[in-house]
Amino acid sequence: MIRDLNEQLPQFYLGQATSEDLQKYWVGEAWRSVVGFGTTKLPRVMRIPLEQRGTLDVTYRYVQPPTLLSERGGVSTVTAREFWRYVNAAHAIEICEVRDYVYNVVEDQGLLKVRNFTSRLLQSGCPK
């Protein structure tokens, strides 16, 4: 499930999916957070206009795969360690991060959706 929702993010960050598309797996604060990152923070940091974000290269991989920590009261807690890489070749900008994520997932209309999440930066900088 976490793998499915993460597949949507690079598409959205590159302008190949809409904020409405994200609502398949993201709700509430989690949805606002990823939309804000993809439409404001990422284009600003990568020095690219929002309408040109398709020129970015965005990839990720799991350092530690998603793991179910707990299920309580209809809320599942999942953790994952993820490596994300963002590149704007036109401006020679490359950002890499390894983060621990904790996702709180709820069932909504028969689908599991992320209601909120937290992340903790473990490492920044791209491998040479």
Protein backbone atom coordinates (compact mmCIF):
# COMPACT_ATOMS: atom_id res chain seq x y z
CA MET A 1 0.00 0.00 0.00
CA ILE A 2 2.74 2.52 0.92
CA ARG A 3 4.51 1.51 -2.28
CA ASP A 4 1.39 2.39 -4.30
CA LEU A 5 1.04 5.82 -2.76
CA ASN A 6 4.72 6.64 -3.19
CA GLU A 7 4.44 5.80 -6.90
CA GLN A 8 2.03 8.73 -7.23
CA LEU A 9 4.39 11.30 -5.73
CA PRO A 10 7.06 11.53 -8.47
CA GLN A 11 4.28 11.75 -11.05
CA PHE A 12 2.70 14.64 -9.15
CA TYR A 13 6.02 16.38 -8.53
CA LEU A 14 6.72 16.23 -12.29
CA GLY A 15 3.26 17.53 -13.24
CA GLN A 16 2.11 14.17 -14.65
CA ALA A 17 -0.62 13.76 -12.00
CA THR A 18 -2.95 16.27 -10.36
CA SER A 19 -3.61 17.05 -6.73
CA GLU A 20 -7.00 15.38 -7.23
CA ASP A 21 -5.23 12.21 -8.40
CA LEU A 22 -3.40 12.12 -5.08
CA GLN A 23 -6.68 11.88 -3.19
CA LYS A 24 -6.82 8.18 -4.06
CA TYR A 25 -4.33 7.52 -1.24
CA TRP A 26 -3.88 10.85 0.61
CA VAL A 27 -6.41 12.74 2.78
CA GLY A 28 -6.45 15.68 5.17
CA GLU A 29 -3.14 16.98 6.45
CA ALA A 30 -1.13 14.36 4.53
CA TRP A 31 -2.71 15.50 1.23
CA ARG A 32 -2.11 19.19 2.03
CA SER A 33 1.51 18.44 2.90
CA VAL A 34 2.40 16.57 -0.32
CA VAL A 35 0.51 19.08 -2.49
CA GLY A 36 2.30 21.99 -0.79
CA PHE A 37 5.67 20.32 -1.23
CA GLY A 38 5.05 19.54 -4.91
CA THR A 39 3.58 22.91 -5.89
CA THR A 40 5.54 25.34 -3.72
CA LYS A 41 8.60 24.04 -1.90
CA LEU A 42 10.08 21.69 -4.52
CA PRO A 43 9.84 24.14 -7.46
CA ARG A 44 11.30 26.93 -5.30
CA VAL A 45 14.24 24.85 -4.01
CA MET A 46 14.94 23.43 -7.47
CA ARG A 47 14.68 26.93 -9.01
CA ILE A 48 12.14 25.99 -11.62
CA PRO A 49 8.73 27.49 -12.44
CA LEU A 50 5.81 25.26 -11.50
CA GLU A 51 4.81 24.87 -15.15
CA GLN A 52 8.30 23.52 -16.01
CA ARG A 53 8.59 20.98 -13.20
CA GLY A 54 8.33 18.16 -15.76
CA THR A 55 12.00 18.81 -16.54
CA LEU A 56 12.99 17.61 -13.08
CA ASP A 57 14.20 14.10 -12.34
CA VAL A 58 12.61 12.65 -9.19
CA THR A 59 13.40 9.15 -7.97
CA TYR A 60 13.10 7.24 -4.73
CA ARG A 61 13.89 3.83 -3.33
CA TYR A 62 13.37 2.06 -0.05
CA VAL A 63 16.35 1.69 2.23
CA GLN A 64 14.04 -0.24 4.59
CA PRO A 65 10.74 -1.38 3.10
CA PRO A 66 7.37 -0.33 4.54
CA THR A 67 6.64 -2.25 7.73
CA LEU A 68 3.41 -2.39 9.72
CA LEU A 69 4.08 -1.21 13.28
CA SER A 70 0.56 -1.37 14.73
CA GLU A 71 -3.15 -1.52 14.03
CA ARG A 72 -5.46 0.12 16.53
CA GLY A 73 -8.96 1.57 16.29
CA GLY A 74 -9.06 1.48 12.51
CA VAL A 75 -5.67 3.23 12.19
CA SER A 76 -2.60 1.41 10.93
CA THR A 77 0.87 2.78 11.55
CA VAL A 78 3.49 2.00 8.92
CA THR A 79 7.16 2.96 8.88
CA ALA A 80 9.67 3.08 6.04
CA ARG A 81 13.17 4.45 5.40
CA GLU A 82 13.31 6.13 2.01
CA PHE A 83 16.00 7.64 -0.22
CA TRP A 84 14.74 10.51 -2.43
CA ARG A 85 16.72 12.22 -5.21
CA TYR A 86 15.67 15.45 -6.96
CA VAL A 87 17.66 16.80 -9.93
CA ASN A 88 17.38 19.96 -12.02
CA ALA A 89 20.13 19.49 -14.61
CA ALA A 90 19.55 22.94 -16.12
CA HIS A 91 20.65 24.61 -12.87
CA ALA A 92 23.04 21.86 -11.69
CA ILE A 93 20.94 21.26 -8.58
CA GLU A 94 20.87 17.81 -7.04
CA ILE A 95 19.32 17.10 -3.65
CA CYS A 96 19.32 13.70 -1.97
CA GLU A 97 17.82 12.74 1.37
CA VAL A 98 17.36 9.64 3.45
CA ARG A 99 14.37 9.95 5.78
CA ASP A 100 12.45 7.79 8.19
CA TYR A 101 8.72 8.09 7.58
CA VAL A 102 5.84 7.10 9.84
CA TYR A 103 2.48 6.93 8.08
CA ASN A 104 -0.93 6.79 9.79
CA VAL A 105 -3.28 4.98 7.45
CA VAL A 106 -7.10 4.74 7.69
CA GLU A 107 -9.72 2.99 5.61
CA ASP A 108 -11.77 5.44 3.56
CA GLN A 109 -14.44 4.27 1.13
CA GLY A 110 -12.85 0.84 0.87
CA LEU A 111 -9.32 2.14 0.26
CA LEU A 112 -6.44 2.56 2.67
CA LYS A 113 -5.37 6.21 2.76
CA VAL A 114 -2.67 8.17 4.53
CA ARG A 115 -4.24 10.59 6.99
CA ASN A 116 -0.99 12.03 8.27
CA PHE A 117 2.70 11.27 8.32
CA THR A 118 5.91 12.42 9.90
CA SER A 119 9.44 12.30 8.63
CA ARG A 120 12.85 12.59 10.17
CA LEU A 121 15.88 13.53 8.10
CA LEU A 122 18.69 11.03 8.64
CA GLN A 123 21.12 12.02 5.90
CA SER A 124 21.39 14.65 3.19
CA GLY A 125 23.76 14.75 0.27
CA CYS A 126 24.00 12.65 -2.82
CA PRO A 127 26.33 9.68 -3.20
CA LYS A 128 29.27 10.30 -5.52
